[in-house]
Amino acid sequence: QGEWKNLADLGSSSNHSVTPVQQVK
């Protein structure tokens, strides 16, 4: 249908805080 769909999703956990993303590489 021309739609982007997620095929696989896996996250890693961390207690480190991060700064907002300024630009996507």
PDB file of all heavy atoms in Angstrom:
ATOM      1  N   GLN A   1       0.814  -1.214   0.000  1.00  0.00           N
ATOM      2  CA  GLN A   1       0.000   0.000   0.000  1.00  0.00           C
ATOM      3  C   GLN A   1       0.853   1.272   0.000  1.00  0.00           C
ATOM      4  O   GLN A   1       0.326   2.381   0.038  1.00  0.00           O
ATOM      5  CB  GLN A   1      -0.932   0.013   1.227  1.00  0.00           C
ATOM      6  CG  GLN A   1      -2.065  -1.007   1.180  1.00  0.00           C
ATOM      7  CD  GLN A   1      -1.567  -2.435   1.373  1.00  0.00           C
ATOM      8  OE1 GLN A   1      -0.753  -2.692   2.269  1.00  0.00           O
ATOM      9  NE2 GLN A   1      -2.063  -3.349   0.562  1.00  0.00           N
ATOM     10  N   GLY A   2       2.182   1.087  -0.043  1.00  0.00           N
ATOM     11  CA  GLY A   2       3.076   2.239  -0.048  1.00  0.00           C
ATOM     12  C   GLY A   2       3.325   2.834   1.319  1.00  0.00           C
ATOM     13  O   GLY A   2       3.811   3.966   1.426  1.00  0.00           O
ATOM     14  N   GLU A   3       3.028   2.079   2.388  1.00  0.00           N
ATOM     15  CA  GLU A   3       3.212   2.563   3.748  1.00  0.00           C
ATOM     16  C   GLU A   3       4.475   1.949   4.362  1.00  0.00           C
ATOM     17  O   GLU A   3       4.751   0.766   4.165  1.00  0.00           O
ATOM     18  CB  GLU A   3       2.018   2.177   4.628  1.00  0.00           C
ATOM     19  CG  GLU A   3       0.673   2.634   4.113  1.00  0.00           C
ATOM     20  CD  GLU A   3      -0.464   1.934   4.811  1.00  0.00           C
ATOM     21  OE1 GLU A   3      -0.368   0.715   5.100  1.00  0.00           O
ATOM     22  OE2 GLU A   3      -1.474   2.618   5.087  1.00  0.00           O
ATOM     23  N   TRP A   4       5.208   2.760   5.105  1.00  0.00           N
ATOM     24  CA  TRP A   4       6.332   2.231   5.857  1.00  0.00           C
ATOM     25  C   TRP A   4       5.808   1.476   7.073  1.00  0.00           C
ATOM     26  O   TRP A   4       5.002   1.994   7.839  1.00  0.00           O
ATOM     27  CB  TRP A   4       7.242   3.364   6.335  1.00  0.00           C
ATOM     28  CG  TRP A   4       8.134   3.925   5.279  1.00  0.00           C
ATOM     29  CD1 TRP A   4       7.978   5.101   4.612  1.00  0.00           C
ATOM     30  CD2 TRP A   4       9.346   3.344   4.784  1.00  0.00           C
ATOM     31  NE1 TRP A   4       9.011   5.289   3.724  1.00  0.00           N
ATOM     32  CE2 TRP A   4       9.872   4.227   3.814  1.00  0.00           C
ATOM     33  CE3 TRP A   4      10.053   2.173   5.065  1.00  0.00           C
ATOM     34  CZ2 TRP A   4      11.057   3.976   3.123  1.00  0.00           C
ATOM     35  CZ3 TRP A   4      11.230   1.910   4.384  1.00  0.00           C
ATOM     36  CH2 TRP A   4      11.718   2.803   3.428  1.00  0.00           C
ATOM     37  N   LYS A   5       6.268   0.235   7.237  1.00  0.00           N
ATOM     38  CA  LYS A   5       5.874  -0.584   8.383  1.00  0.00           C
ATOM     39  C   LYS A   5       7.125  -1.163   9.050  1.00  0.00           C
ATOM     40  O   LYS A   5       8.101  -1.511   8.380  1.00  0.00           O
ATOM     41  CB  LYS A   5       4.946  -1.719   7.957  1.00  0.00           C
ATOM     42  CG  LYS A   5       3.555  -1.258   7.507  1.00  0.00           C
ATOM     43  CD  LYS A   5       2.748  -0.700   8.675  1.00  0.00           C
ATOM     44  CE  LYS A   5       1.343  -0.338   8.241  1.00  0.00           C
ATOM     45  NZ  LYS A   5       0.532   0.157   9.384  1.00  0.00           N
ATOM     46  N   ASN A   6       7.056  -1.289  10.367  1.00  0.00           N
ATOM     47  CA  ASN A   6       8.176  -1.776  11.160  1.00  0.00           C
ATOM     48  C   ASN A   6       8.229  -3.304  11.114  1.00  0.00           C
ATOM     49  O   ASN A   6       7.263  -3.976  11.472  1.00  0.00           O
ATOM     50  CB  ASN A   6       8.005  -1.286  12.606  1.00  0.00           C
ATOM     51  CG  ASN A   6       9.238  -1.483  13.448  1.00  0.00           C
ATOM     52  OD1 ASN A   6       9.941  -2.481  13.316  1.00  0.00           O
ATOM     53  ND2 ASN A   6       9.493  -0.553  14.354  1.00  0.00           N
ATOM     54  N   LEU A   7       9.367  -3.831  10.664  1.00  0.00           N
ATOM     55  CA  LEU A   7       9.526  -5.283  10.535  1.00  0.00           C
ATOM     56  C   LEU A   7      10.155  -5.940  11.760  1.00  0.00           C
ATOM     57  O   LEU A   7       9.916  -7.124  12.022  1.00  0.00           O
ATOM     58  CB  LEU A   7      10.421  -5.598   9.327  1.00  0.00           C
ATOM     59  CG  LEU A   7       9.766  -5.670   7.963  1.00  0.00           C
ATOM     60  CD1 LEU A   7      10.845  -5.863   6.901  1.00  0.00           C
ATOM     61  CD2 LEU A   7       8.754  -6.802   7.894  1.00  0.00           C
ATOM     62  N   ALA A   8      10.979  -5.202  12.476  1.00  0.00           N
ATOM     63  CA  ALA A   8      11.652  -5.763  13.652  1.00  0.00           C
ATOM     64  C   ALA A   8      12.037  -4.625  14.573  1.00  0.00           C
ATOM     65  O   ALA A   8      12.497  -3.572  14.120  1.00  0.00           O
ATOM     66  CB  ALA A   8      12.893  -6.560  13.252  1.00  0.00           C
ATOM     67  N   ASP A   9      11.852  -4.839  15.885  1.00  0.00           N
ATOM     68  CA  ASP A   9      12.096  -3.781  16.851  1.00  0.00           C
ATOM     69  C   ASP A   9      12.744  -4.364  18.097  1.00  0.00           C
ATOM     70  O   ASP A   9      12.169  -5.226  18.747  1.00  0.00           O
ATOM     71  CB  ASP A   9      10.777  -3.087  17.208  1.00  0.00           C
ATOM     72  CG  ASP A   9      10.983  -1.851  18.055  1.00  0.00           C
ATOM     73  OD1 ASP A   9      11.076  -1.996  19.288  1.00  0.00           O
ATOM     74  OD2 ASP A   9      11.058  -0.746  17.500  1.00  0.00           O
ATOM     75  N   LEU A  10      13.954  -3.908  18.408  1.00  0.00           N
ATOM     76  CA  LEU A  10      14.668  -4.396  19.587  1.00  0.00           C
ATOM     77  C   LEU A  10      15.398  -3.233  20.247  1.00  0.00           C
ATOM     78  O   LEU A  10      16.142  -2.511  19.594  1.00  0.00           O
ATOM     79  CB  LEU A  10      15.681  -5.479  19.198  1.00  0.00           C
ATOM     80  CG  LEU A  10      16.521  -6.075  20.337  1.00  0.00           C
ATOM     81  CD1 LEU A  10      15.638  -6.792  21.357  1.00  0.00           C
ATOM     82  CD2 LEU A  10      17.556  -7.039  19.768  1.00  0.00           C
ATOM     83  N   GLY A  11      15.175  -3.051  21.554  1.00  0.00           N
ATOM     84  CA  GLY A  11      15.808  -1.961  22.283  1.00  0.00           C
ATOM     85  C   GLY A  11      16.828  -2.453  23.280  1.00  0.00           C
ATOM     86  O   GLY A  11      16.752  -3.583  23.773  1.00  0.00           O
ATOM     87  N   SER A  12      17.804  -1.606  23.576  1.00  0.00           N
ATOM     88  CA  SER A  12      18.766  -1.873  24.641  1.00  0.00           C
ATOM     89  C   SER A  12      18.545  -0.835  25.733  1.00  0.00           C
ATOM     90  O   SER A  12      18.245   0.322  25.448  1.00  0.00           O
ATOM     91  CB  SER A  12      20.207  -1.801  24.112  1.00  0.00           C
ATOM     92  OG  SER A  12      20.473  -0.527  23.559  1.00  0.00           O
ATOM     93  N   SER A  13      18.673  -1.238  26.993  1.00  0.00           N
ATOM     94  CA  SER A  13      18.394  -0.342  28.113  1.00  0.00           C
ATOM     95  C   SER A  13      19.670   0.269  28.660  1.00  0.00           C
ATOM     96  O   SER A  13      20.752  -0.318  28.586  1.00  0.00           O
ATOM     97  CB  SER A  13      17.664  -1.101  29.221  1.00  0.00           C
ATOM     98  OG  SER A  13      18.465  -2.175  29.691  1.00  0.00           O
ATOM     99  N   SER A  14      19.528   1.481  29.234  1.00  0.00           N
ATOM    100  CA  SER A  14      20.672   2.186  29.805  1.00  0.00           C
ATOM    101  C   SER A  14      20.172   3.240  30.778  1.00  0.00           C
ATOM    102  O   SER A  14      19.076   3.781  30.608  1.00  0.00           O
ATOM    103  CB  SER A  14      21.503   2.850  28.702  1.00  0.00           C
ATOM    104  OG  SER A  14      22.456   3.738  29.235  1.00  0.00           O
ATOM    105  N   ASN A  15      20.953   3.557  31.800  1.00  0.00           N
ATOM    106  CA  ASN A  15      20.612   4.616  32.742  1.00  0.00           C
ATOM    107  C   ASN A  15      21.221   5.956  32.353  1.00  0.00           C
ATOM    108  O   ASN A  15      21.020   6.959  33.029  1.00  0.00           O
ATOM    109  CB  ASN A  15      21.084   4.236  34.152  1.00  0.00           C
ATOM    110  CG  ASN A  15      20.311   3.072  34.726  1.00  0.00           C
ATOM    111  OD1 ASN A  15      19.109   2.946  34.501  1.00  0.00           O
ATOM    112  ND2 ASN A  15      20.995   2.206  35.466  1.00  0.00           N
ATOM    113  N   HIS A  16      21.965   5.972  31.256  1.00  0.00           N
ATOM    114  CA  HIS A  16      22.617   7.209  30.821  1.00  0.00           C
ATOM    115  C   HIS A  16      21.603   8.157  30.180  1.00  0.00           C
ATOM    116  O   HIS A  16      20.848   7.769  29.288  1.00  0.00           O
ATOM    117  CB  HIS A  16      23.722   6.898  29.809  1.00  0.00           C
ATOM    118  CG  HIS A  16      24.842   6.082  30.373  1.00  0.00           C
ATOM    119  ND1 HIS A  16      25.863   6.635  31.108  1.00  0.00           N
ATOM    120  CD2 HIS A  16      25.100   4.751  30.317  1.00  0.00           C
ATOM    121  CE1 HIS A  16      26.712   5.687  31.479  1.00  0.00           C
ATOM    122  NE2 HIS A  16      26.270   4.535  31.010  1.00  0.00           N
ATOM    123  N   SER A  17      21.599   9.411  30.638  1.00  0.00           N
ATOM    124  CA  SER A  17      20.753  10.413  29.995  1.00  0.00           C
ATOM    125  C   SER A  17      21.417  10.858  28.696  1.00  0.00           C
ATOM    126  O   SER A  17      22.641  10.791  28.551  1.00  0.00           O
ATOM    127  CB  SER A  17      20.547  11.614  30.919  1.00  0.00           C
ATOM    128  OG  SER A  17      21.784  12.206  31.248  1.00  0.00           O
ATOM    129  N   VAL A  18      20.599  11.299  27.752  1.00  0.00           N
ATOM    130  CA  VAL A  18      21.127  11.714  26.455  1.00  0.00           C
ATOM    131  C   VAL A  18      20.616  13.103  26.113  1.00  0.00           C
ATOM    132  O   VAL A  18      19.574  13.538  26.599  1.00  0.00           O
ATOM    133  CB  VAL A  18      20.722  10.718  25.344  1.00  0.00           C
ATOM    134  CG1 VAL A  18      21.337   9.365  25.593  1.00  0.00           C
ATOM    135  CG2 VAL A  18      19.206  10.599  25.243  1.00  0.00           C
ATOM    136  N   THR A  19      21.354  13.807  25.278  1.00  0.00           N
ATOM    137  CA  THR A  19      20.926  15.120  24.806  1.00  0.00           C
ATOM    138  C   THR A  19      20.020  14.937  23.586  1.00  0.00           C
ATOM    139  O   THR A  19      20.123  13.933  22.866  1.00  0.00           O
ATOM    140  CB  THR A  19      22.137  15.980  24.423  1.00  0.00           C
ATOM    141  OG1 THR A  19      22.905  15.280  23.429  1.00  0.00           O
ATOM    142  CG2 THR A  19      23.012  16.241  25.639  1.00  0.00           C
ATOM    143  N   PRO A  20      19.114  15.885  23.341  1.00  0.00           N
ATOM    144  CA  PRO A  20      18.231  15.774  22.165  1.00  0.00           C
ATOM    145  C   PRO A  20      19.037  15.667  20.869  1.00  0.00           C
ATOM    146  O   PRO A  20      20.115  16.243  20.742  1.00  0.00           O
ATOM    147  CB  PRO A  20      17.425  17.077  22.211  1.00  0.00           C
ATOM    148  CG  PRO A  20      17.456  17.493  23.647  1.00  0.00           C
ATOM    149  CD  PRO A  20      18.804  17.078  24.154  1.00  0.00           C
ATOM    150  N   VAL A  21      18.508  14.904  19.931  1.00  0.00           N
ATOM    151  CA  VAL A  21      19.165  14.722  18.641  1.00  0.00           C
ATOM    152  C   VAL A  21      19.107  16.035  17.848  1.00  0.00           C
ATOM    153  O   VAL A  21      18.028  16.588  17.638  1.00  0.00           O
ATOM    154  CB  VAL A  21      18.495  13.589  17.839  1.00  0.00           C
ATOM    155  CG1 VAL A  21      19.122  13.483  16.454  1.00  0.00           C
ATOM    156  CG2 VAL A  21      18.598  12.274  18.594  1.00  0.00           C
ATOM    157  N   GLN A  22      20.251  16.517  17.419  1.00  0.00           N
ATOM    158  CA  GLN A  22      20.311  17.758  16.649  1.00  0.00           C
ATOM    159  C   GLN A  22      20.120  17.506  15.155  1.00  0.00           C
ATOM    160  O   GLN A  22      19.481  18.289  14.452  1.00  0.00           O
ATOM    161  CB  GLN A  22      21.654  18.457  16.887  1.00  0.00           C
ATOM    162  CG  GLN A  22      21.901  18.851  18.333  1.00  0.00           C
ATOM    163  CD  GLN A  22      20.863  19.801  18.877  1.00  0.00           C
ATOM    164  OE1 GLN A  22      20.490  20.777  18.222  1.00  0.00           O
ATOM    165  NE2 GLN A  22      20.373  19.514  20.079  1.00  0.00           N
ATOM    166  N   GLN A  23      20.671  16.388  14.681  1.00  0.00           N
ATOM    167  CA  GLN A  23      20.558  16.054  13.261  1.00  0.00           C
ATOM    168  C   GLN A  23      20.693  14.558  13.084  1.00  0.00           C
ATOM    169  O   GLN A  23      21.552  13.925  13.714  1.00  0.00           O
ATOM    170  CB  GLN A  23      21.635  16.773  12.451  1.00  0.00           C
ATOM    171  CG  GLN A  23      21.549  16.541  10.954  1.00  0.00           C
ATOM    172  CD  GLN A  23      22.585  17.349  10.189  1.00  0.00           C
ATOM    173  OE1 GLN A  23      23.410  18.040  10.783  1.00  0.00           O
ATOM    174  NE2 GLN A  23      22.544  17.272   8.870  1.00  0.00           N
ATOM    175  N   VAL A  24      19.847  13.982  12.255  1.00  0.00           N
ATOM    176  CA  VAL A  24      19.895  12.551  11.994  1.00  0.00           C
ATOM    177  C   VAL A  24      21.031  12.253  11.022  1.00  0.00           C
ATOM    178  O   VAL A  24      21.121  12.858   9.946  1.00  0.00           O
ATOM    179  CB  VAL A  24      18.564  12.042  11.403  1.00  0.00           C
ATOM    180  CG1 VAL A  24      18.630  10.537  11.163  1.00  0.00           C
ATOM    181  CG2 VAL A  24      17.400  12.370  12.338  1.00  0.00           C
ATOM    182  N   LYS A  25      21.908  11.348  11.407  1.00  0.00           N
ATOM    183  CA  LYS A  25      22.965  10.904  10.503  1.00  0.00           C
ATOM    184  C   LYS A  25      22.356   9.950   9.482  1.00  0.00           C
ATOM    185  O   LYS A  25      21.639   9.018   9.852  1.00  0.00           O
ATOM    186  CB  LYS A  25      24.081  10.219  11.289  1.00  0.00           C
ATOM    187  CG  LYS A  25      24.788  11.143  12.271  1.00  0.00           C
ATOM    188  CD  LYS A  25      25.872  10.412  13.047  1.00  0.00           C
ATOM    189  CE  LYS A  25      26.545  11.344  14.046  1.00  0.00           C
ATOM    190  NZ  LYS A  25      27.584  10.640  14.833  1.00  0.00           N
TER     191      LYS A  25
END
